[in-house]
Amino acid sequence: RCEVQCDDLHAADPVTGALYVGCILSAPVCQSMPGELAVADCLDDPEAAGRACLNFCRAETACAPAADLSACLTRCVGGFGDGDGLRFAAAEACLDRAARDADCAVLQACIPAEPMVDCAAHCGRLDDCRLADAGCEAACQAAPDANVAGCVADAVRTGQECGGVAQCIGFAPPRPSAACVELCALQDDCDRAFDPYLCRLDCPEPPALDVQLGCLQATVCGRQAGCLDLAGDLNAACAAPCATAVACGVFPDQATCEAICTGQAAGPFAGGGYFDRLNACLAAAAPAGGQCNLGSAEICFRPALCEALPDVLVAPPGGGRLPYNTVGRQSVGRANCGGGGPQQVVVITVAVASTVDIVILDATYDPLIHLRRSCDDPASEIACNDDSNGLLSALRGQQLAPGTYFLYLDGFAGGQGSGTVEITIRPN
């Protein structure tokens, strides 16, 4: 829907459409906060990021009627990629101060007719990306290349980071491994200022790479730091479950499995029962003397993450009774049958197709429960119940395929308190 609306706006009003896109791409945060440009600000005012691009393009096009204002705005937002990048950089502050309806003469006075290369600044940008050699400034001064310098300046301005800078000078870094790319992508997803290009240059060698990756896969933003300190020392307790996993085809080799297992076990949410859960899950997926179920075995190594409510409880293998307390906890909102109070999430792993019963045995408040396939996606809700047994709640006879499920322990009308939940898992 968003893409359709964007296309429609660009067709009806290409200038406003380009301003919206440029503002949103330059916003570092989603919601308004003091001192930061937010996506929400851009939706209220497409000029919230400033009007430098608009005024630059007005000077280049409105004052030159044959040119296309929309095309110029698109280039300004995405990066000119040539000497115009230097002309814009030199004029940006002046253009941002000018009114959007300023006379062309006022705008043109801000913009240098020819791009000027600042070799020290250019080589400094290259050096920040480890792309400058010892003779960079001398070579630049001897033969300044405005198109390359403009491309580099624009890559920095538009958030293309060092990967964009490298493309400007035609440098292709060594091809990273898939594990290295994922390691850096997981960090990039959590930090807008993070540069995945530099990260890929610094990836550790295996097994430390896979250990850190296993840990990052099993944590959330804000809790990653400890994962990046992990070395390549493998946890001996991973050997036995990994022998089963490799035989099932979950991993290509024992070393990779043990590294991922070591990282998961060291993650901030693993808890003391990680290996009990892993071994029980694999025992169900690959029973002694029986055939391994690859899909079920893969589930055993799949991290169960909740971005919004990361401090989860983990149900024992086969189910069991868990005490819980929702007092003072956060909430992600209502379920289909109500709720919206402070919430505790319980992760339930089903290794083989099973019938699952979930019952609140006792509580100091009026509980409400709901079950999801995906922790952070309310649309994945499977079932919801309030007051099936008095003021308590239950979900009985749930037919669940192998997978990981997320039980929300919630409260009627925003209520909170403590209680005990019983989870029974009966393989079909």
Protein backbone atom coordinates (compact mmCIF):
# COMPACT_ATOMS: atom_id res chain seq x y z
CA ARG A 1 0.00 0.00 0.00
CA CYS A 2 2.82 2.43 0.86
CA GLU A 3 4.51 1.86 -2.50
CA VAL A 4 1.23 2.43 -4.37
CA GLN A 5 0.59 5.69 -2.49
CA CYS A 6 4.16 6.81 -3.17
CA ASP A 7 3.80 6.06 -6.89
CA ASP A 8 0.46 7.89 -7.03
CA LEU A 9 1.87 10.96 -5.28
CA HIS A 10 4.93 11.03 -7.53
CA ALA A 11 2.68 10.90 -10.61
CA ALA A 12 0.33 13.62 -9.32
CA ASP A 13 2.92 15.90 -7.71
CA PRO A 14 6.49 14.75 -8.42
CA VAL A 15 8.09 17.66 -6.56
CA THR A 16 6.24 17.01 -3.30
CA GLY A 17 6.77 13.27 -3.76
CA ALA A 18 10.52 13.71 -4.10
CA LEU A 19 10.59 15.96 -1.03
CA TYR A 20 8.77 13.35 1.05
CA VAL A 21 11.14 10.59 -0.06
CA GLY A 22 14.24 12.69 0.54
CA CYS A 23 13.11 13.74 4.00
CA ILE A 24 12.20 10.18 5.06
CA LEU A 25 15.50 8.75 3.81
CA SER A 26 17.44 11.33 5.80
CA ALA A 27 15.50 10.81 9.06
CA PRO A 28 17.52 8.83 11.66
CA VAL A 29 14.53 7.96 13.91
CA CYS A 30 10.86 7.05 13.48
CA GLN A 31 9.07 9.11 16.12
CA SER A 32 9.60 12.78 16.94
CA MET A 33 12.17 13.60 19.62
CA PRO A 34 14.04 16.79 20.54
CA GLY A 35 16.99 17.56 18.30
CA GLU A 36 16.36 14.70 15.84
CA LEU A 37 14.65 14.64 12.45
CA ALA A 38 12.04 11.87 12.50
CA VAL A 39 10.01 10.08 9.84
CA ALA A 40 6.91 11.36 11.63
CA ASP A 41 8.16 14.93 11.11
CA CYS A 42 8.61 14.28 7.39
CA LEU A 43 5.05 12.95 7.06
CA ASP A 44 3.78 16.19 8.64
CA ASP A 45 6.07 18.43 6.59
CA PRO A 46 8.08 17.15 3.60
CA GLU A 47 10.44 20.12 4.02
CA ALA A 48 11.30 19.14 7.61
CA ALA A 49 14.76 18.05 6.47
CA GLY A 50 15.40 21.50 5.07
CA ARG A 51 14.85 22.97 1.64
CA ALA A 52 18.39 22.90 0.28
CA CYS A 53 17.63 20.25 -2.36
CA LEU A 54 14.45 22.03 -3.42
CA ASN A 55 16.18 25.39 -3.79
CA PHE A 56 19.20 23.88 -5.54
CA CYS A 57 16.91 22.24 -8.08
CA ARG A 58 14.79 25.38 -8.46
CA ALA A 59 17.95 27.29 -9.29
CA GLU A 60 19.02 24.60 -11.75
CA THR A 61 15.61 24.06 -13.37
CA ALA A 62 13.04 26.77 -12.70
CA CYS A 63 15.64 29.23 -13.82
CA ALA A 64 16.39 26.94 -16.77
CA PRO A 65 12.91 25.94 -17.99
CA ALA A 66 14.06 23.08 -20.19
CA ALA A 67 15.27 21.07 -17.18
CA ASP A 68 13.19 18.68 -15.06
CA LEU A 69 12.71 19.68 -11.41
CA SER A 70 11.55 16.20 -10.34
CA ALA A 71 14.55 14.47 -11.92
CA CYS A 72 16.90 16.94 -10.23
CA LEU A 73 15.26 16.36 -6.83
CA THR A 74 15.60 12.61 -7.27
CA ARG A 75 19.31 13.03 -8.00
CA CYS A 76 19.75 15.35 -5.03
CA VAL A 77 18.02 12.93 -2.66
CA GLY A 78 19.91 9.88 -3.89
CA GLY A 79 23.21 11.60 -4.60
CA PHE A 80 24.31 13.41 -7.75
CA GLY A 81 27.27 11.11 -8.21
CA ASP A 82 29.32 13.74 -10.04
CA GLY A 83 30.64 17.30 -9.73
CA ASP A 84 27.16 18.59 -8.86
CA GLY A 85 27.65 16.92 -5.50
CA LEU A 86 30.44 19.41 -4.74
CA ARG A 87 28.40 22.34 -6.00
CA PHE A 88 25.50 21.31 -3.76
CA ALA A 89 27.76 20.75 -0.75
CA ALA A 90 29.20 24.25 -1.12
CA ALA A 91 25.74 25.79 -1.45
CA GLU A 92 23.71 23.66 0.98
CA ALA A 93 23.76 25.97 4.03
CA CYS A 94 22.95 29.05 1.95
CA LEU A 95 20.13 27.28 0.09
CA ASP A 96 18.62 25.94 3.28
CA ARG A 97 18.30 29.48 4.65
CA ALA A 98 16.59 30.78 1.52
CA ALA A 99 12.80 30.75 1.22
CA ARG A 100 11.30 28.11 -1.05
CA ASP A 101 9.90 30.90 -3.26
CA ALA A 102 13.12 32.96 -3.31
CA ASP A 103 14.05 34.62 -6.59
CA CYS A 104 16.24 32.60 -8.89
CA ALA A 105 18.96 35.22 -8.64
CA VAL A 106 19.11 34.72 -4.86
CA LEU A 107 19.40 30.95 -5.23
CA GLN A 108 21.93 31.08 -8.04
CA ALA A 109 24.12 33.36 -5.96
CA CYS A 110 24.48 30.49 -3.45
CA ILE A 111 25.72 27.97 -6.00
CA PRO A 112 29.25 28.02 -7.45
CA ALA A 113 29.29 27.81 -11.22
CA GLU A 114 32.08 25.22 -11.19
CA PRO A 115 32.80 22.54 -8.58
CA MET A 116 35.87 23.10 -6.44
CA VAL A 117 37.73 20.07 -5.11
CA ASP A 118 38.96 20.29 -1.51
CA CYS A 119 41.68 17.65 -1.68
CA ALA A 120 42.22 17.51 2.08
CA ALA A 121 38.51 16.91 2.72
CA HIS A 122 38.28 14.42 -0.15
CA CYS A 123 41.25 12.37 1.03
CA GLY A 124 39.98 12.58 4.60
CA ARG A 125 36.75 10.90 3.52
CA LEU A 126 38.72 8.20 1.73
CA ASP A 127 40.92 7.71 4.78
CA ASP A 128 37.86 7.29 7.01
CA CYS A 129 36.91 4.37 4.78
CA ARG A 130 40.49 2.98 4.63
CA LEU A 131 40.63 3.81 0.93
CA ALA A 132 43.27 6.57 0.82
CA ASP A 133 46.90 5.89 0.03
CA ALA A 134 49.88 7.92 1.26
CA GLY A 135 49.98 10.07 -1.87
CA CYS A 136 46.26 10.88 -2.00
CA GLU A 137 46.47 14.66 -1.51
CA ALA A 138 49.40 15.12 -3.86
CA ALA A 139 47.68 13.12 -6.61
CA CYS A 140 44.43 15.02 -6.05
CA GLN A 141 46.12 18.42 -6.26
CA ALA A 142 47.99 17.41 -9.39
CA ALA A 143 44.84 16.22 -11.16
CA PRO A 144 41.66 17.04 -9.21
CA ASP A 145 38.68 14.97 -10.36
CA ALA A 146 35.48 16.85 -9.49
CA ASN A 147 33.22 13.99 -10.52
CA VAL A 148 34.93 11.48 -8.23
CA ALA A 149 35.17 13.96 -5.34
CA GLY A 150 31.51 14.92 -5.80
CA CYS A 151 30.48 11.27 -5.87
CA VAL A 152 32.41 10.61 -2.64
CA ALA A 153 30.93 13.67 -0.90
CA ASP A 154 27.42 12.62 -1.94
CA ALA A 155 27.95 9.04 -0.79
CA VAL A 156 28.69 10.36 2.69
CA ARG A 157 25.84 12.92 2.62
CA THR A 158 23.18 10.45 1.50
CA GLY A 159 24.08 7.64 3.90
CA GLN A 160 25.68 5.28 1.38
CA GLU A 161 28.60 5.09 3.80
CA CYS A 162 31.92 3.53 2.87
CA GLY A 163 30.37 1.05 0.46
CA GLY A 164 29.21 3.97 -1.67
CA VAL A 165 32.59 5.71 -1.33
CA ALA A 166 34.35 2.56 -2.56
CA GLN A 167 32.07 2.41 -5.61
CA CYS A 168 32.87 6.04 -6.43
CA ILE A 169 36.57 5.24 -6.79
CA GLY A 170 35.98 1.87 -8.44
CA PHE A 171 37.33 -0.21 -5.55
CA ALA A 172 35.93 -3.72 -5.05
CA PRO A 173 36.73 -5.16 -1.60
CA PRO A 174 37.35 -8.88 -1.07
CA ARG A 175 34.13 -10.87 -1.22
CA PRO A 176 32.98 -11.62 2.36
CA SER A 177 31.51 -14.93 3.47
CA ALA A 178 27.76 -15.32 3.93
CA ALA A 179 28.30 -15.59 7.70
CA CYS A 180 30.27 -12.33 7.71
CA VAL A 181 27.55 -10.54 5.73
CA GLU A 182 24.88 -11.73 8.18
CA LEU A 183 27.00 -10.81 11.21
CA CYS A 184 27.30 -7.24 9.94
CA ALA A 185 23.67 -7.02 8.80
CA LEU A 186 22.43 -7.94 12.28
CA GLN A 187 24.46 -5.08 13.74
CA ASP A 188 23.44 -2.67 10.98
CA ASP A 189 19.76 -3.35 11.70
CA CYS A 190 20.28 -2.02 15.23
CA ASP A 191 22.39 1.09 14.56
CA ARG A 192 21.71 3.63 11.83
CA ALA A 193 25.29 4.95 12.11
CA PHE A 194 26.81 1.47 11.70
CA ASP A 195 28.83 0.91 8.51
CA PRO A 196 28.50 -2.68 7.23
CA TYR A 197 31.28 -2.11 4.68
CA LEU A 198 33.87 -1.54 7.41
CA CYS A 199 32.39 -4.37 9.46
CA ARG A 200 32.86 -6.82 6.59
CA LEU A 201 36.52 -5.85 6.40
CA ASP A 202 36.93 -6.70 10.10
CA CYS A 203 34.98 -9.97 10.40
CA PRO A 204 36.79 -12.46 12.64
CA GLU A 205 37.90 -15.81 11.29
CA PRO A 206 35.94 -18.99 12.09
CA PRO A 207 35.16 -20.36 14.60
CA ALA A 208 34.90 -16.96 16.36
CA LEU A 209 32.82 -15.66 13.43
CA ASP A 210 30.20 -18.40 13.79
CA VAL A 211 30.20 -18.17 17.59
CA GLN A 212 29.47 -14.43 17.44
CA LEU A 213 26.88 -14.98 14.71
CA GLY A 214 25.08 -17.64 16.76
CA CYS A 215 24.93 -15.25 19.70
CA LEU A 216 23.70 -12.29 17.62
CA GLN A 217 20.99 -14.43 16.05
CA ALA A 218 19.70 -15.18 19.54
CA THR A 219 19.53 -11.63 20.90
CA VAL A 220 17.91 -8.27 20.20
CA CYS A 221 19.07 -4.71 19.62
CA GLY A 222 20.62 -3.18 22.70
CA ARG A 223 21.89 -6.55 23.96
CA GLN A 224 24.49 -7.35 21.28
CA ALA A 225 27.71 -6.08 22.88
CA GLY A 226 28.60 -9.25 24.77
CA CYS A 227 28.24 -11.35 21.63
CA LEU A 228 31.00 -9.44 19.86
CA ASP A 229 33.44 -10.19 22.69
CA LEU A 230 33.14 -13.96 22.25
CA ALA A 231 36.23 -15.81 21.04
CA GLY A 232 36.41 -19.11 19.20
CA ASP A 233 36.44 -21.39 22.26
CA LEU A 234 33.74 -24.01 21.70
CA ASN A 235 31.42 -25.22 24.46
CA ALA A 236 32.03 -28.94 25.03
CA ALA A 237 28.34 -29.46 25.79
CA CYS A 238 27.55 -28.69 22.14
CA ALA A 239 29.33 -31.80 20.82
CA ALA A 240 26.57 -34.35 21.46
CA PRO A 241 23.56 -32.35 20.20
CA CYS A 242 25.57 -31.23 17.18
CA ALA A 243 26.40 -34.82 16.26
CA THR A 244 22.66 -35.43 16.04
CA ALA A 245 22.03 -32.18 14.17
CA VAL A 246 24.73 -32.85 11.57
CA ALA A 247 23.44 -36.39 11.03
CA CYS A 248 19.99 -34.88 10.44
CA GLY A 249 21.37 -32.37 7.93
CA VAL A 250 20.71 -29.24 9.97
CA PHE A 251 24.36 -28.11 9.62
CA PRO A 252 26.97 -28.97 6.99
CA ASP A 253 29.59 -30.00 9.54
CA GLN A 254 30.25 -30.48 13.24
CA ALA A 255 32.47 -27.41 13.61
CA THR A 256 29.85 -24.97 12.27
CA CYS A 257 27.15 -26.46 14.47
CA GLU A 258 29.29 -26.35 17.61
CA ALA A 259 30.19 -22.71 16.95
CA ILE A 260 26.55 -21.66 16.45
CA CYS A 261 25.50 -23.69 19.49
CA THR A 262 28.27 -22.09 21.58
CA GLY A 263 27.09 -18.62 20.58
CA GLN A 264 23.44 -19.37 21.32
CA ALA A 265 24.31 -20.82 24.72
CA ALA A 266 26.31 -17.67 25.56
CA GLY A 267 23.52 -15.31 24.48
CA PRO A 268 21.84 -13.01 26.99
CA PHE A 269 18.52 -14.89 26.82
CA ALA A 270 19.80 -18.49 26.84
CA GLY A 271 19.29 -19.03 30.55
CA GLY A 272 20.50 -22.05 32.49
CA GLY A 273 18.28 -24.55 30.67
CA TYR A 274 19.57 -24.05 27.13
CA PHE A 275 21.11 -27.52 26.76
CA ASP A 276 18.20 -29.29 28.48
CA ARG A 277 15.81 -27.70 25.98
CA LEU A 278 18.10 -28.36 23.02
CA ASN A 279 18.69 -32.02 23.85
CA ALA A 280 15.02 -32.69 24.57
CA CYS A 281 13.98 -31.01 21.33
CA LEU A 282 16.47 -33.06 19.30
CA ALA A 283 15.41 -36.26 21.07
CA ALA A 284 11.85 -35.66 19.86
CA ALA A 285 12.97 -34.71 16.35
CA ALA A 286 15.40 -37.64 16.02
CA PRO A 287 14.24 -40.47 18.30
CA ALA A 288 16.71 -43.28 18.97
CA GLY A 289 16.40 -45.89 16.24
CA GLY A 290 13.97 -43.71 14.32
CA GLN A 291 14.22 -41.42 11.31
CA CYS A 292 15.20 -37.81 11.86
CA ASN A 293 12.66 -35.12 11.00
CA LEU A 294 14.82 -32.37 9.46
CA GLY A 295 12.23 -29.63 9.88
CA SER A 296 11.75 -30.45 13.55
CA ALA A 297 15.51 -30.64 14.15
CA GLU A 298 16.01 -27.22 12.55
CA ILE A 299 13.47 -25.74 14.98
CA CYS A 300 15.68 -26.82 17.89
CA PHE A 301 18.36 -24.33 16.79
CA ARG A 302 15.98 -21.53 15.80
CA PRO A 303 16.27 -18.62 18.27
CA ALA A 304 13.00 -17.63 19.90
CA LEU A 305 13.12 -13.85 19.98
CA CYS A 306 10.71 -11.15 21.07
CA GLU A 307 11.91 -7.69 20.10
CA ALA A 308 9.28 -5.83 22.11
CA LEU A 309 9.30 -8.06 25.22
CA PRO A 310 12.70 -9.79 25.20
CA ASP A 311 12.74 -11.08 28.80
CA VAL A 312 10.77 -14.23 28.07
CA LEU A 313 10.12 -17.37 30.09
CA VAL A 314 10.87 -20.67 28.35
CA ALA A 315 8.56 -23.63 28.83
CA PRO A 316 10.33 -26.89 29.76
CA PRO A 317 10.55 -29.58 27.04
CA GLY A 318 7.25 -31.41 27.00
CA GLY A 319 5.60 -28.66 29.04
CA GLY A 320 5.31 -28.08 32.76
CA ARG A 321 4.25 -25.53 35.36
CA LEU A 322 5.71 -22.02 35.41
CA PRO A 323 5.18 -19.30 38.03
CA TYR A 324 4.99 -15.81 36.55
CA ASN A 325 4.47 -12.19 37.52
CA THR A 326 3.31 -9.43 35.18
CA VAL A 327 3.45 -6.56 37.68
CA GLY A 328 5.29 -3.58 36.22
CA ARG A 329 6.02 -5.26 32.90
CA GLN A 330 5.53 -3.69 29.48
CA SER A 331 2.62 -4.28 27.12
CA VAL A 332 2.44 -4.54 23.34
CA GLY A 333 -1.31 -3.94 23.26
CA ARG A 334 -4.58 -5.85 23.17
CA ALA A 335 -5.30 -9.27 21.72
CA ASN A 336 -8.44 -10.20 19.77
CA CYS A 337 -10.33 -11.04 22.98
CA GLY A 338 -9.09 -8.09 25.02
CA GLY A 339 -6.22 -7.60 27.43
CA GLY A 340 -3.62 -4.92 26.97
CA GLY A 341 -2.23 -5.07 30.50
CA PRO A 342 1.39 -5.74 31.47
CA GLN A 343 2.48 -8.95 29.73
CA GLN A 344 4.84 -11.89 30.23
CA VAL A 345 5.75 -14.00 27.18
CA VAL A 346 6.35 -17.75 27.46
CA VAL A 347 8.20 -19.47 24.60
CA ILE A 348 6.81 -22.92 23.77
CA THR A 349 8.75 -25.22 21.44
CA VAL A 350 6.83 -28.04 19.76
CA ALA A 351 9.23 -30.56 18.23
CA VAL A 352 6.58 -32.77 16.57
CA ALA A 353 2.89 -32.26 15.80
CA SER A 354 1.16 -32.16 19.17
CA THR A 355 -1.98 -31.36 21.11
CA VAL A 356 -1.24 -28.55 23.54
CA ASP A 357 -3.23 -27.49 26.60
CA ILE A 358 -2.49 -24.19 28.37
CA VAL A 359 -4.23 -23.53 31.68
CA ILE A 360 -3.87 -20.78 34.28
CA LEU A 361 -4.02 -22.72 37.56
CA ASP A 362 -4.08 -19.79 39.96
CA ALA A 363 -3.69 -16.01 39.80
CA THR A 364 -3.93 -12.95 42.02
CA TYR A 365 -5.75 -11.03 39.26
CA ASP A 366 -8.08 -11.67 36.30
CA PRO A 367 -5.75 -13.12 33.63
CA LEU A 368 -6.22 -13.27 29.88
CA ILE A 369 -4.01 -15.33 27.53
CA HIS A 370 -3.28 -15.39 23.82
CA LEU A 371 -1.01 -17.52 21.63
CA ARG A 372 0.99 -16.35 18.59
CA ARG A 373 3.14 -17.96 15.92
CA SER A 374 5.39 -14.88 15.72
CA CYS A 375 6.14 -12.99 18.91
CA ASP A 376 6.11 -9.48 17.48
CA ASP A 377 3.30 -9.94 14.93
CA PRO A 378 -0.23 -9.53 16.37
CA ALA A 379 -1.66 -10.84 13.09
CA SER A 380 -0.09 -14.23 13.86
CA GLU A 381 -2.45 -14.80 16.80
CA ILE A 382 -3.74 -18.39 16.92
CA ALA A 383 -6.09 -18.29 19.89
CA CYS A 384 -7.18 -16.01 22.73
CA ASN A 385 -9.15 -16.71 25.91
CA ASP A 386 -10.53 -14.86 28.90
CA ASP A 387 -12.34 -16.54 31.80
CA SER A 388 -12.81 -20.08 30.46
CA ASN A 389 -12.68 -21.47 34.02
CA GLY A 390 -14.06 -18.85 36.35
CA LEU A 391 -11.87 -15.77 36.28
CA LEU A 392 -8.94 -17.88 35.08
CA SER A 393 -8.15 -18.60 31.43
CA ALA A 394 -7.25 -21.65 29.35
CA LEU A 395 -6.52 -22.72 25.78
CA ARG A 396 -7.22 -26.44 25.46
CA GLY A 397 -6.78 -28.84 22.56
CA GLN A 398 -4.59 -26.60 20.42
CA GLN A 399 -3.36 -28.61 17.42
CA LEU A 400 0.12 -27.27 16.82
CA ALA A 401 2.55 -28.18 14.05
CA PRO A 402 6.28 -28.36 14.84
CA GLY A 403 7.55 -24.88 15.58
CA THR A 404 8.07 -22.18 18.17
CA TYR A 405 5.06 -20.45 19.70
CA PHE A 406 4.65 -17.45 21.99
CA LEU A 407 2.16 -17.42 24.84
CA TYR A 408 1.19 -13.97 26.13
CA LEU A 409 0.14 -13.91 29.79
CA ASP A 410 -2.00 -10.77 29.85
CA GLY A 411 -4.68 -9.24 32.06
CA PHE A 412 -8.35 -8.38 31.62
CA ALA A 413 -8.91 -4.61 31.36
CA GLY A 414 -5.20 -3.93 31.87
CA GLY A 415 -4.96 -5.98 35.06
CA GLN A 416 -1.68 -7.28 36.43
CA GLY A 417 -0.53 -9.78 39.03
CA SER A 418 1.12 -13.16 39.55
CA GLY A 419 0.04 -16.72 38.89
CA THR A 420 0.96 -20.19 37.67
CA VAL A 421 0.51 -21.46 34.11
CA GLU A 422 0.51 -25.16 33.21
CA ILE A 423 1.50 -26.20 29.69
CA THR A 424 0.92 -29.78 28.52
CA ILE A 425 2.35 -30.98 25.20
CA ARG A 426 1.11 -34.39 23.93
CA PRO A 427 2.65 -35.63 20.65
CA ASN A 428 -0.08 -36.78 18.25
